[in-house]
Amino acid sequence: MKKESESVKHYSTAIVAAKQVVNDRYCKLALEATLVAARARPGQFVMLYLPSQYGPMLPRPFSIFAVERDKGSITLLFETRGRGTALAAGLDAGQDLKLLGPLGSYFPEPQPGALLLAGGLGIAPLAFLAKSTTVPITLVYAVQKADHLACQPEDLSRPGLKLLLATEDGSAGFKGSAINLLSNQLEQASALYSCGPRKMLSKAASAAAKAGVQCFISLEERMACGVGACLGCAVKTGQGYKRVCSDGPVFQAGEVILNGKT
């Protein structure tokens, strides 16, 4: 697990190449961002500075969903749920944007047999991870119901990737929680990589510990600066508080206190 602090952080200009409204919840934004595309690693994110009719705004963090290095482009996948993401969803092709990145730590290279567990929008960094390697791995993607999928199976497919869908209402794939489906896969896994709601991460980390499987998690937190200056994204760990933006967002599961207990 690497830290972006080992390298230089970059401000750059990006151009909106394309926008795709996935459904009434999610949106994809493709950006021409050569510097970020050349350096980005799965698990990292960018801080996007959005033009606003409301006046100056803090930048917004977005996980990197996909990278096309040969084209110098990155794709961001996000849920439209606030002023910043609504502005991002309203961008038009050709618009210039300022961004900072890539930022944060990134996932270690998966070994054959790795298990990836994504809950909801947690699919964004794990899709990037799944497509960044050619080794055989399993990706478990869990949502409440089929129309909450942030991307479709065809967006994730590649040779050697086994995709398992789980929905709580049974409208797609396995009926039940991500943890129910995970329990059938974990003992054979070389490692577990997970991103999603905190409750899911806590259960996944506990299951991995019981199975003796190394577990890496990516945390989703609100951020204001992205570089560790404001301390707004601090989380409790066994060694005190750490900043998700600069010490993470990828951590070994045992580092972070996920369930509120010391």
C-alpha atoms as a PDB file:
ATOM      1  CA  MET A   1       0.000   0.000   0.000  1.00  0.00           C
ATOM      2  CA  LYS A   2       1.628   3.203  -1.213  1.00  0.00           C
ATOM      3  CA  LYS A   3       1.285   6.828  -0.208  1.00  0.00           C
ATOM      4  CA  GLU A   4       0.973   9.688  -2.687  1.00  0.00           C
ATOM      5  CA  SER A   5       3.131  11.736  -0.299  1.00  0.00           C
ATOM      6  CA  GLU A   6       6.080   9.789  -1.761  1.00  0.00           C
ATOM      7  CA  SER A   7       5.651  11.778  -4.980  1.00  0.00           C
ATOM      8  CA  VAL A   8       4.853  15.319  -6.078  1.00  0.00           C
ATOM      9  CA  LYS A   9       1.228  16.465  -6.140  1.00  0.00           C
ATOM     10  CA  HIS A  10       0.039  18.171  -9.306  1.00  0.00           C
ATOM     11  CA  TYR A  11      -2.441  20.886 -10.114  1.00  0.00           C
ATOM     12  CA  SER A  12      -3.504  20.653 -13.730  1.00  0.00           C
ATOM     13  CA  THR A  13      -6.209  21.620 -16.172  1.00  0.00           C
ATOM     14  CA  ALA A  14      -8.678  19.038 -17.400  1.00  0.00           C
ATOM     15  CA  ILE A  15     -11.176  19.213 -20.240  1.00  0.00           C
ATOM     16  CA  VAL A  16     -14.565  17.540 -20.047  1.00  0.00           C
ATOM     17  CA  ALA A  17     -14.545  14.945 -22.832  1.00  0.00           C
ATOM     18  CA  ALA A  18     -17.920  13.328 -22.228  1.00  0.00           C
ATOM     19  CA  LYS A  19     -20.686  12.942 -19.679  1.00  0.00           C
ATOM     20  CA  GLN A  20     -23.000   9.992 -19.187  1.00  0.00           C
ATOM     21  CA  VAL A  21     -26.022  10.045 -16.904  1.00  0.00           C
ATOM     22  CA  VAL A  22     -26.170   6.437 -15.684  1.00  0.00           C
ATOM     23  CA  ASN A  23     -29.573   6.751 -13.983  1.00  0.00           C
ATOM     24  CA  ASP A  24     -31.320   9.167 -11.645  1.00  0.00           C
ATOM     25  CA  ARG A  25     -28.605   8.603  -9.032  1.00  0.00           C
ATOM     26  CA  TYR A  26     -25.254   8.257 -10.776  1.00  0.00           C
ATOM     27  CA  CYS A  27     -23.201  10.044 -13.407  1.00  0.00           C
ATOM     28  CA  LYS A  28     -19.925   9.384 -15.240  1.00  0.00           C
ATOM     29  CA  LEU A  29     -17.591  12.176 -16.232  1.00  0.00           C
ATOM     30  CA  ALA A  30     -14.736  11.559 -18.672  1.00  0.00           C
ATOM     31  CA  LEU A  31     -11.911  14.082 -18.482  1.00  0.00           C
ATOM     32  CA  GLU A  32      -8.891  14.726 -20.667  1.00  0.00           C
ATOM     33  CA  ALA A  33      -6.266  14.903 -17.936  1.00  0.00           C
ATOM     34  CA  THR A  34      -2.926  13.685 -19.261  1.00  0.00           C
ATOM     35  CA  LEU A  35      -0.861  14.158 -16.094  1.00  0.00           C
ATOM     36  CA  VAL A  36      -3.381  12.396 -13.878  1.00  0.00           C
ATOM     37  CA  ALA A  37      -3.924   9.572 -16.354  1.00  0.00           C
ATOM     38  CA  ALA A  38      -0.183   8.930 -16.527  1.00  0.00           C
ATOM     39  CA  ARG A  39       0.237   8.690 -12.753  1.00  0.00           C
ATOM     40  CA  ALA A  40      -3.043   7.451 -11.280  1.00  0.00           C
ATOM     41  CA  ARG A  41      -3.186   4.164  -9.374  1.00  0.00           C
ATOM     42  CA  PRO A  42      -6.276   2.235  -8.243  1.00  0.00           C
ATOM     43  CA  GLY A  43      -7.654   3.664  -5.007  1.00  0.00           C
ATOM     44  CA  GLN A  44      -6.456   7.218  -5.608  1.00  0.00           C
ATOM     45  CA  PHE A  45      -8.691  10.239  -6.138  1.00  0.00           C
ATOM     46  CA  VAL A  46      -8.708  13.784  -7.494  1.00  0.00           C
ATOM     47  CA  MET A  47      -9.961  17.065  -6.074  1.00  0.00           C
ATOM     48  CA  LEU A  48     -12.103  18.797  -8.675  1.00  0.00           C
ATOM     49  CA  TYR A  49     -12.572  22.582  -8.694  1.00  0.00           C
ATOM     50  CA  LEU A  50     -16.054  23.233 -10.060  1.00  0.00           C
ATOM     51  CA  PRO A  51     -17.303  26.447 -11.661  1.00  0.00           C
ATOM     52  CA  SER A  52     -20.152  27.814  -9.573  1.00  0.00           C
ATOM     53  CA  GLN A  53     -22.769  30.496  -9.898  1.00  0.00           C
ATOM     54  CA  TYR A  54     -22.855  30.528  -6.092  1.00  0.00           C
ATOM     55  CA  GLY A  55     -19.364  31.979  -5.745  1.00  0.00           C
ATOM     56  CA  PRO A  56     -16.136  30.333  -4.528  1.00  0.00           C
ATOM     57  CA  MET A  57     -16.522  26.690  -3.526  1.00  0.00           C
ATOM     58  CA  LEU A  58     -14.235  24.149  -1.943  1.00  0.00           C
ATOM     59  CA  PRO A  59     -13.040  21.449  -4.349  1.00  0.00           C
ATOM     60  CA  ARG A  60     -14.803  18.089  -4.273  1.00  0.00           C
ATOM     61  CA  PRO A  61     -13.111  14.668  -4.014  1.00  0.00           C
ATOM     62  CA  PHE A  62     -13.878  12.047  -6.666  1.00  0.00           C
ATOM     63  CA  SER A  63     -12.549   8.491  -6.818  1.00  0.00           C
ATOM     64  CA  ILE A  64     -11.006   7.495 -10.131  1.00  0.00           C
ATOM     65  CA  PHE A  65     -13.231   4.905 -11.807  1.00  0.00           C
ATOM     66  CA  ALA A  66     -11.218   4.265 -14.970  1.00  0.00           C
ATOM     67  CA  VAL A  67      -8.071   5.390 -16.766  1.00  0.00           C
ATOM     68  CA  GLU A  68      -7.122   5.255 -20.425  1.00  0.00           C
ATOM     69  CA  ARG A  69      -3.439   6.105 -20.341  1.00  0.00           C
ATOM     70  CA  ASP A  70      -2.987   5.994 -24.109  1.00  0.00           C
ATOM     71  CA  LYS A  71      -5.714   8.630 -24.501  1.00  0.00           C
ATOM     72  CA  GLY A  72      -4.667  10.683 -21.467  1.00  0.00           C
ATOM     73  CA  SER A  73      -8.133  10.421 -19.967  1.00  0.00           C
ATOM     74  CA  ILE A  74      -9.731   9.468 -16.676  1.00  0.00           C
ATOM     75  CA  THR A  75     -13.348   8.718 -15.781  1.00  0.00           C
ATOM     76  CA  LEU A  76     -15.044   9.693 -12.532  1.00  0.00           C
ATOM     77  CA  LEU A  77     -18.172   7.939 -11.261  1.00  0.00           C
ATOM     78  CA  PHE A  78     -20.264   9.727  -8.638  1.00  0.00           C
ATOM     79  CA  GLU A  79     -23.680  10.036  -7.062  1.00  0.00           C
ATOM     80  CA  THR A  80     -25.555  13.298  -7.536  1.00  0.00           C
ATOM     81  CA  ARG A  81     -26.570  14.194  -3.992  1.00  0.00           C
ATOM     82  CA  GLY A  82     -25.378  17.712  -3.177  1.00  0.00           C
ATOM     83  CA  ARG A  83     -24.473  21.076  -4.655  1.00  0.00           C
ATOM     84  CA  GLY A  84     -20.991  20.035  -5.769  1.00  0.00           C
ATOM     85  CA  THR A  85     -21.989  16.789  -7.441  1.00  0.00           C
ATOM     86  CA  ALA A  86     -24.986  18.499  -9.050  1.00  0.00           C
ATOM     87  CA  LEU A  87     -22.594  21.020 -10.596  1.00  0.00           C
ATOM     88  CA  ALA A  88     -20.358  18.182 -11.794  1.00  0.00           C
ATOM     89  CA  ALA A  89     -23.358  16.445 -13.357  1.00  0.00           C
ATOM     90  CA  GLY A  90     -24.236  19.683 -15.147  1.00  0.00           C
ATOM     91  CA  LEU A  91     -20.885  20.104 -16.879  1.00  0.00           C
ATOM     92  CA  ASP A  92     -20.763  20.160 -20.673  1.00  0.00           C
ATOM     93  CA  ALA A  93     -18.217  18.654 -23.034  1.00  0.00           C
ATOM     94  CA  GLY A  94     -15.392  21.049 -23.770  1.00  0.00           C
ATOM     95  CA  GLN A  95     -15.421  22.837 -20.410  1.00  0.00           C
ATOM     96  CA  ASP A  96     -12.076  23.471 -18.709  1.00  0.00           C
ATOM     97  CA  LEU A  97     -11.610  22.512 -15.069  1.00  0.00           C
ATOM     98  CA  LYS A  98      -8.836  22.743 -12.531  1.00  0.00           C
ATOM     99  CA  LEU A  99      -8.008  19.597 -10.605  1.00  0.00           C
ATOM    100  CA  LEU A 100      -5.467  18.351  -8.100  1.00  0.00           C
ATOM    101  CA  GLY A 101      -4.246  14.806  -8.242  1.00  0.00           C
ATOM    102  CA  PRO A 102      -3.799  11.958  -8.244  1.00  0.00           C
ATOM    103  CA  LEU A 103      -3.935  11.974  -4.452  1.00  0.00           C
ATOM    104  CA  GLY A 104      -3.801   9.496  -1.612  1.00  0.00           C
ATOM    105  CA  SER A 105      -2.620   5.955  -1.137  1.00  0.00           C
ATOM    106  CA  TYR A 106      -3.429   3.163  -3.536  1.00  0.00           C
ATOM    107  CA  PHE A 107      -4.197  -0.535  -3.398  1.00  0.00           C
ATOM    108  CA  PRO A 108      -1.392  -3.104  -3.575  1.00  0.00           C
ATOM    109  CA  GLU A 109      -1.215  -5.133  -6.768  1.00  0.00           C
ATOM    110  CA  PRO A 110      -3.755  -7.980  -6.508  1.00  0.00           C
ATOM    111  CA  GLN A 111      -2.481 -11.551  -6.588  1.00  0.00           C
ATOM    112  CA  PRO A 112      -4.384 -14.388  -8.274  1.00  0.00           C
ATOM    113  CA  GLY A 113      -7.430 -15.304  -6.222  1.00  0.00           C
ATOM    114  CA  ALA A 114      -7.943 -11.825  -4.768  1.00  0.00           C
ATOM    115  CA  LEU A 115     -11.485 -10.943  -3.729  1.00  0.00           C
ATOM    116  CA  LEU A 116     -12.875  -7.443  -4.262  1.00  0.00           C
ATOM    117  CA  LEU A 117     -15.982  -6.319  -2.383  1.00  0.00           C
ATOM    118  CA  ALA A 118     -17.789  -3.143  -3.474  1.00  0.00           C
ATOM    119  CA  GLY A 119     -20.858  -1.705  -1.806  1.00  0.00           C
ATOM    120  CA  GLY A 120     -22.805   0.976  -3.669  1.00  0.00           C
ATOM    121  CA  LEU A 121     -20.528   3.743  -4.956  1.00  0.00           C
ATOM    122  CA  GLY A 122     -17.571   1.797  -3.544  1.00  0.00           C
ATOM    123  CA  ILE A 123     -17.460   0.217  -6.993  1.00  0.00           C
ATOM    124  CA  ALA A 124     -15.563   3.264  -8.335  1.00  0.00           C
ATOM    125  CA  PRO A 125     -12.027   2.536  -7.016  1.00  0.00           C
ATOM    126  CA  LEU A 126     -12.519  -1.232  -7.177  1.00  0.00           C
ATOM    127  CA  ALA A 127     -13.547  -1.131 -10.853  1.00  0.00           C
ATOM    128  CA  PHE A 128     -10.274   0.664 -11.565  1.00  0.00           C
ATOM    129  CA  LEU A 129      -8.401  -1.981  -9.553  1.00  0.00           C
ATOM    130  CA  ALA A 130     -10.207  -4.861 -11.281  1.00  0.00           C
ATOM    131  CA  LYS A 131      -9.382  -3.516 -14.751  1.00  0.00           C
ATOM    132  CA  SER A 132      -5.764  -2.670 -13.880  1.00  0.00           C
ATOM    133  CA  THR A 133      -4.621  -6.281 -13.616  1.00  0.00           C
ATOM    134  CA  THR A 134      -4.905  -9.392 -15.766  1.00  0.00           C
ATOM    135  CA  VAL A 135      -4.748 -11.953 -12.958  1.00  0.00           C
ATOM    136  CA  PRO A 136      -7.870 -13.992 -12.113  1.00  0.00           C
ATOM    137  CA  ILE A 137      -9.866 -12.273  -9.361  1.00  0.00           C
ATOM    138  CA  THR A 138     -13.450 -12.140  -8.094  1.00  0.00           C
ATOM    139  CA  LEU A 139     -15.415  -8.903  -7.774  1.00  0.00           C
ATOM    140  CA  VAL A 140     -18.498  -8.877  -5.548  1.00  0.00           C
ATOM    141  CA  TYR A 141     -20.703  -5.845  -6.244  1.00  0.00           C
ATOM    142  CA  ALA A 142     -23.562  -5.275  -3.791  1.00  0.00           C
ATOM    143  CA  VAL A 143     -26.425  -2.776  -3.854  1.00  0.00           C
ATOM    144  CA  GLN A 144     -29.900  -2.577  -2.364  1.00  0.00           C
ATOM    145  CA  LYS A 145     -31.688  -3.228  -5.653  1.00  0.00           C
ATOM    146  CA  ALA A 146     -30.897  -3.515  -9.348  1.00  0.00           C
ATOM    147  CA  ASP A 147     -31.725   0.088 -10.243  1.00  0.00           C
ATOM    148  CA  HIS A 148     -29.109   1.242  -7.718  1.00  0.00           C
ATOM    149  CA  LEU A 149     -26.262  -0.192  -9.807  1.00  0.00           C
ATOM    150  CA  ALA A 150     -23.806   2.629 -10.494  1.00  0.00           C
ATOM    151  CA  CYS A 151     -22.453   0.789 -13.524  1.00  0.00           C
ATOM    152  CA  GLN A 152     -23.429  -2.241 -15.539  1.00  0.00           C
ATOM    153  CA  PRO A 153     -21.689  -5.635 -15.667  1.00  0.00           C
ATOM    154  CA  GLU A 154     -20.400  -4.946 -19.190  1.00  0.00           C
ATOM    155  CA  ASP A 155     -18.470  -1.955 -17.788  1.00  0.00           C
ATOM    156  CA  LEU A 156     -16.537  -4.330 -15.533  1.00  0.00           C
ATOM    157  CA  SER A 157     -15.964  -7.371 -17.717  1.00  0.00           C
ATOM    158  CA  ARG A 158     -12.520  -8.603 -18.730  1.00  0.00           C
ATOM    159  CA  PRO A 159     -10.945 -12.032 -19.186  1.00  0.00           C
ATOM    160  CA  GLY A 160     -10.155 -13.616 -15.825  1.00  0.00           C
ATOM    161  CA  LEU A 161     -12.612 -11.498 -13.848  1.00  0.00           C
ATOM    162  CA  LYS A 162     -15.481 -13.263 -12.096  1.00  0.00           C
ATOM    163  CA  LEU A 163     -18.283 -10.807 -11.296  1.00  0.00           C
ATOM    164  CA  LEU A 164     -20.872 -11.607  -8.635  1.00  0.00           C
ATOM    165  CA  LEU A 165     -23.832  -9.283  -8.078  1.00  0.00           C
ATOM    166  CA  ALA A 166     -25.762  -9.133  -4.813  1.00  0.00           C
ATOM    167  CA  THR A 167     -28.984  -7.223  -4.182  1.00  0.00           C
ATOM    168  CA  GLU A 168     -30.858  -7.117  -0.913  1.00  0.00           C
ATOM    169  CA  ASP A 169     -34.214  -7.515  -2.663  1.00  0.00           C
ATOM    170  CA  GLY A 170     -33.040 -10.183  -5.106  1.00  0.00           C
ATOM    171  CA  SER A 171     -33.730  -8.073  -8.205  1.00  0.00           C
ATOM    172  CA  ALA A 172     -30.288  -8.936  -9.625  1.00  0.00           C
ATOM    173  CA  GLY A 173     -27.863 -11.731  -8.820  1.00  0.00           C
ATOM    174  CA  PHE A 174     -27.652 -13.162  -5.315  1.00  0.00           C
ATOM    175  CA  LYS A 175     -30.451 -12.218  -2.913  1.00  0.00           C
ATOM    176  CA  GLY A 176     -28.947 -11.010   0.334  1.00  0.00           C
ATOM    177  CA  SER A 177     -26.220  -8.804   1.754  1.00  0.00           C
ATOM    178  CA  ALA A 178     -22.690  -8.489   0.493  1.00  0.00           C
ATOM    179  CA  ILE A 179     -21.425 -10.225   3.609  1.00  0.00           C
ATOM    180  CA  ASN A 180     -23.688 -13.230   2.999  1.00  0.00           C
ATOM    181  CA  LEU A 181     -22.192 -13.653  -0.456  1.00  0.00           C
ATOM    182  CA  LEU A 182     -18.680 -12.852   0.765  1.00  0.00           C
ATOM    183  CA  SER A 183     -18.716 -15.686   3.301  1.00  0.00           C
ATOM    184  CA  ASN A 184     -18.925 -18.214   0.458  1.00  0.00           C
ATOM    185  CA  GLN A 185     -15.843 -16.788  -1.270  1.00  0.00           C
ATOM    186  CA  LEU A 186     -13.465 -15.655   1.458  1.00  0.00           C
ATOM    187  CA  GLU A 187     -11.670 -18.823   2.546  1.00  0.00           C
ATOM    188  CA  GLN A 188     -10.157 -19.308  -0.926  1.00  0.00           C
ATOM    189  CA  ALA A 189      -9.152 -15.633  -1.331  1.00  0.00           C
ATOM    190  CA  SER A 190      -5.522 -14.486  -1.431  1.00  0.00           C
ATOM    191  CA  ALA A 191      -6.590 -11.093  -0.025  1.00  0.00           C
ATOM    192  CA  LEU A 192      -9.714  -8.963   0.368  1.00  0.00           C
ATOM    193  CA  TYR A 193     -10.071  -5.433  -1.016  1.00  0.00           C
ATOM    194  CA  SER A 194     -13.179  -3.478  -0.063  1.00  0.00           C
ATOM    195  CA  CYS A 195     -14.837  -0.088  -0.418  1.00  0.00           C
ATOM    196  CA  GLY A 196     -18.344   0.921   0.586  1.00  0.00           C
ATOM    197  CA  PRO A 197     -20.455   1.833   3.617  1.00  0.00           C
ATOM    198  CA  ARG A 198     -18.646   1.793   6.961  1.00  0.00           C
ATOM    199  CA  LYS A 199     -20.922  -0.926   8.397  1.00  0.00           C
ATOM    200  CA  MET A 200     -20.118  -3.205   5.470  1.00  0.00           C
ATOM    201  CA  LEU A 201     -16.393  -2.541   5.813  1.00  0.00           C
ATOM    202  CA  SER A 202     -16.487  -3.415   9.502  1.00  0.00           C
ATOM    203  CA  LYS A 203     -18.215  -6.737   8.835  1.00  0.00           C
ATOM    204  CA  ALA A 204     -15.911  -7.530   5.923  1.00  0.00           C
ATOM    205  CA  ALA A 205     -12.817  -6.793   8.002  1.00  0.00           C
ATOM    206  CA  SER A 206     -14.072  -9.036  10.807  1.00  0.00           C
ATOM    207  CA  ALA A 207     -14.828 -11.861   8.378  1.00  0.00           C
ATOM    208  CA  ALA A 208     -11.389 -11.537   6.773  1.00  0.00           C
ATOM    209  CA  ALA A 209      -9.681 -11.589  10.166  1.00  0.00           C
ATOM    210  CA  LYS A 210     -11.516 -14.772  11.153  1.00  0.00           C
ATOM    211  CA  ALA A 211     -10.522 -16.395   7.872  1.00  0.00           C
ATOM    212  CA  GLY A 212      -6.907 -15.285   8.231  1.00  0.00           C
ATOM    213  CA  VAL A 213      -7.085 -13.242   5.022  1.00  0.00           C
ATOM    214  CA  GLN A 214      -5.318  -9.902   4.658  1.00  0.00           C
ATOM    215  CA  CYS A 215      -7.824  -7.085   4.133  1.00  0.00           C
ATOM    216  CA  PHE A 216      -7.416  -3.637   2.576  1.00  0.00           C
ATOM    217  CA  ILE A 217     -10.172  -1.026   2.778  1.00  0.00           C
ATOM    218  CA  SER A 218     -10.796   2.292   1.061  1.00  0.00           C
ATOM    219  CA  LEU A 219     -12.654   4.852   3.159  1.00  0.00           C
ATOM    220  CA  GLU A 220     -15.214   7.319   1.848  1.00  0.00           C
ATOM    221  CA  GLU A 221     -15.068  10.592   3.803  1.00  0.00           C
ATOM    222  CA  ARG A 222     -15.919  14.238   3.235  1.00  0.00           C
ATOM    223  CA  MET A 223     -12.820  16.285   2.358  1.00  0.00           C
ATOM    224  CA  ALA A 224     -12.069  19.976   2.061  1.00  0.00           C
ATOM    225  CA  CYS A 225      -8.436  20.146   0.944  1.00  0.00           C
ATOM    226  CA  GLY A 226      -7.331  16.670  -0.143  1.00  0.00           C
ATOM    227  CA  VAL A 227      -3.756  17.149   1.074  1.00  0.00           C
ATOM    228  CA  GLY A 228      -3.965  16.695   4.849  1.00  0.00           C
ATOM    229  CA  ALA A 229      -3.999  20.362   5.825  1.00  0.00           C
ATOM    230  CA  CYS A 230      -7.522  20.891   7.160  1.00  0.00           C
ATOM    231  CA  LEU A 231      -7.891  17.657   9.223  1.00  0.00           C
ATOM    232  CA  GLY A 232     -11.544  17.476   8.222  1.00  0.00           C
ATOM    233  CA  CYS A 233     -11.359  13.810   7.181  1.00  0.00           C
ATOM    234  CA  ALA A 234      -9.535  12.429  10.235  1.00  0.00           C
ATOM    235  CA  VAL A 235     -10.492   8.919  11.375  1.00  0.00           C
ATOM    236  CA  LYS A 236      -9.638   7.059  14.555  1.00  0.00           C
ATOM    237  CA  THR A 237      -6.990   4.343  14.364  1.00  0.00           C
ATOM    238  CA  GLY A 238      -5.075   2.252  16.859  1.00  0.00           C
ATOM    239  CA  GLN A 239      -2.233   4.792  16.592  1.00  0.00           C
ATOM    240  CA  GLY A 240      -4.369   7.910  17.026  1.00  0.00           C
ATOM    241  CA  TYR A 241      -6.140   9.885  14.330  1.00  0.00           C
ATOM    242  CA  LYS A 242      -5.117   9.663  10.682  1.00  0.00           C
ATOM    243  CA  ARG A 243      -6.187  11.703   7.652  1.00  0.00           C
ATOM    244  CA  VAL A 244      -8.099   9.816   5.000  1.00  0.00           C
ATOM    245  CA  CYS A 245      -6.907  12.125   2.223  1.00  0.00           C
ATOM    246  CA  SER A 246      -3.157  11.876   2.861  1.00  0.00           C
ATOM    247  CA  ASP A 247      -2.696   8.782   5.068  1.00  0.00           C
ATOM    248  CA  GLY A 248      -5.374   6.924   3.078  1.00  0.00           C
ATOM    249  CA  PRO A 249      -7.895   6.503   1.602  1.00  0.00           C
ATOM    250  CA  VAL A 250      -6.551   2.932   1.414  1.00  0.00           C
ATOM    251  CA  PHE A 251      -5.663   1.366   4.755  1.00  0.00           C
ATOM    252  CA  GLN A 252      -5.019  -2.096   6.059  1.00  0.00           C
ATOM    253  CA  ALA A 253      -8.268  -2.998   7.799  1.00  0.00           C
ATOM    254  CA  GLY A 254      -6.623  -3.505  11.182  1.00  0.00           C
ATOM    255  CA  GLU A 255      -5.377   0.083  11.246  1.00  0.00           C
ATOM    256  CA  VAL A 256      -8.769   1.781  11.390  1.00  0.00           C
ATOM    257  CA  ILE A 257     -11.359   1.575  14.156  1.00  0.00           C
ATOM    258  CA  LEU A 258     -14.452   0.930  12.073  1.00  0.00           C
ATOM    259  CA  ASN A 259     -17.033   0.022  14.679  1.00  0.00           C
ATOM    260  CA  GLY A 260     -16.443   2.814  17.201  1.00  0.00           C
ATOM    261  CA  LYS A 261     -14.778   0.535  19.746  1.00  0.00           C
ATOM    262  CA  THR A 262     -11.177   0.765  20.859  1.00  0.00           C
END
